[in-house]
Amino acid sequence: MTTISLQAGPVAAVEADAIVIGVYQGEDGAVLLAPGAEPVDEALGGNLAATFRALGATGAADEVTRVPANGSLAAPVVVGLGLGS
């Protein structure tokens, strides 16, 4: 059974199967992180948008892109969910 929960506090300490953040297409077509993704980006070194782009993400609505957290977060994976433009 799938369970979704919301938690407050430092994102690096959230124990979950994945951290989900929104990504969207900017006016110039660039992949941008949705507001609220800053702590996740910081925990992963500030290059999360560039990583999504390198993996071919576009930010298109309903697109799903997975990035390993590599020990930077308690969750093993960050999922970028496309929100469109």
Protein backbone atom coordinates (compact mmCIF):
# COMPACT_ATOMS: atom_id res chain seq x y z
CA MET A 1 0.00 0.00 0.00
CA THR A 2 1.30 3.47 -0.88
CA THR A 3 1.46 5.98 1.93
CA ILE A 4 2.04 9.69 1.48
CA SER A 5 2.90 11.93 4.40
CA LEU A 6 3.95 15.52 4.97
CA GLN A 7 6.68 16.32 7.47
CA ALA A 8 8.19 19.51 8.80
CA GLY A 9 11.82 19.93 9.75
CA PRO A 10 15.20 19.60 8.11
CA VAL A 11 14.81 17.76 4.82
CA ALA A 12 18.10 15.90 5.20
CA ALA A 13 16.68 14.06 8.22
CA VAL A 14 13.35 13.01 6.67
CA GLU A 15 13.23 9.23 6.57
CA ALA A 16 11.25 8.25 3.49
CA ASP A 17 11.53 6.11 0.39
CA ALA A 18 11.84 9.30 -1.68
CA ILE A 19 11.68 13.08 -1.47
CA VAL A 20 9.43 14.50 -4.21
CA ILE A 21 9.97 18.01 -5.54
CA GLY A 22 8.34 19.91 -8.38
CA VAL A 23 10.23 20.90 -11.52
CA TYR A 24 8.90 23.07 -14.31
CA GLN A 25 9.82 24.65 -17.63
CA GLY A 26 10.97 28.24 -17.55
CA GLU A 27 10.13 30.70 -20.31
CA ASP A 28 13.38 29.87 -22.10
CA GLY A 29 12.73 26.10 -21.77
CA ALA A 30 15.16 25.66 -18.88
CA VAL A 31 14.31 23.17 -16.15
CA LEU A 32 13.66 25.04 -12.89
CA LEU A 33 13.03 23.81 -9.37
CA ALA A 34 9.67 24.72 -7.87
CA PRO A 35 9.57 26.91 -4.77
CA GLY A 36 10.24 24.86 -1.67
CA ALA A 37 12.89 22.67 -3.30
CA GLU A 38 15.77 24.86 -2.07
CA PRO A 39 16.67 22.74 0.99
CA VAL A 40 16.84 19.59 -1.14
CA ASP A 41 18.95 21.37 -3.74
CA GLU A 42 21.31 22.67 -1.03
CA ALA A 43 21.66 19.21 0.52
CA LEU A 44 22.69 17.84 -2.89
CA GLY A 45 25.28 20.54 -3.52
CA GLY A 46 23.18 23.14 -5.36
CA ASN A 47 23.26 21.40 -8.73
CA LEU A 48 19.92 19.63 -8.76
CA ALA A 49 18.39 21.52 -11.70
CA ALA A 50 21.54 20.88 -13.76
CA THR A 51 21.39 17.20 -12.81
CA PHE A 52 17.78 16.95 -13.96
CA ARG A 53 18.73 18.62 -17.27
CA ALA A 54 21.67 16.23 -17.73
CA LEU A 55 19.28 13.31 -17.28
CA GLY A 56 17.03 14.68 -20.03
CA ALA A 57 14.30 16.11 -17.82
CA THR A 58 12.24 18.89 -19.38
CA GLY A 59 9.84 19.72 -16.56
CA ALA A 60 6.90 18.72 -18.75
CA ALA A 61 3.68 18.00 -16.88
CA ASP A 62 3.63 14.55 -15.26
CA GLU A 63 7.26 13.77 -16.20
CA VAL A 64 9.07 11.80 -13.48
CA THR A 65 12.86 11.89 -13.08
CA ARG A 66 14.74 10.10 -10.31
CA VAL A 67 18.09 11.17 -8.87
CA PRO A 68 20.02 9.20 -6.23
CA ALA A 69 20.64 11.18 -3.05
CA ASN A 70 24.04 9.50 -2.58
CA GLY A 71 23.85 9.70 1.21
CA SER A 72 23.18 13.46 1.29
CA LEU A 73 19.65 12.85 2.60
CA ALA A 74 18.07 10.19 4.78
CA ALA A 75 15.88 9.33 1.78
CA PRO A 76 17.79 7.42 -0.91
CA VAL A 77 16.11 9.09 -3.91
CA VAL A 78 14.91 12.52 -5.00
CA VAL A 79 12.04 12.48 -7.49
CA GLY A 80 11.45 15.46 -9.74
CA LEU A 81 7.80 15.66 -10.77
CA GLY A 82 7.19 17.75 -13.87
CA LEU A 83 4.67 20.55 -13.42
CA GLY A 84 4.73 21.89 -16.99
CA SER A 85 5.37 25.50 -17.90
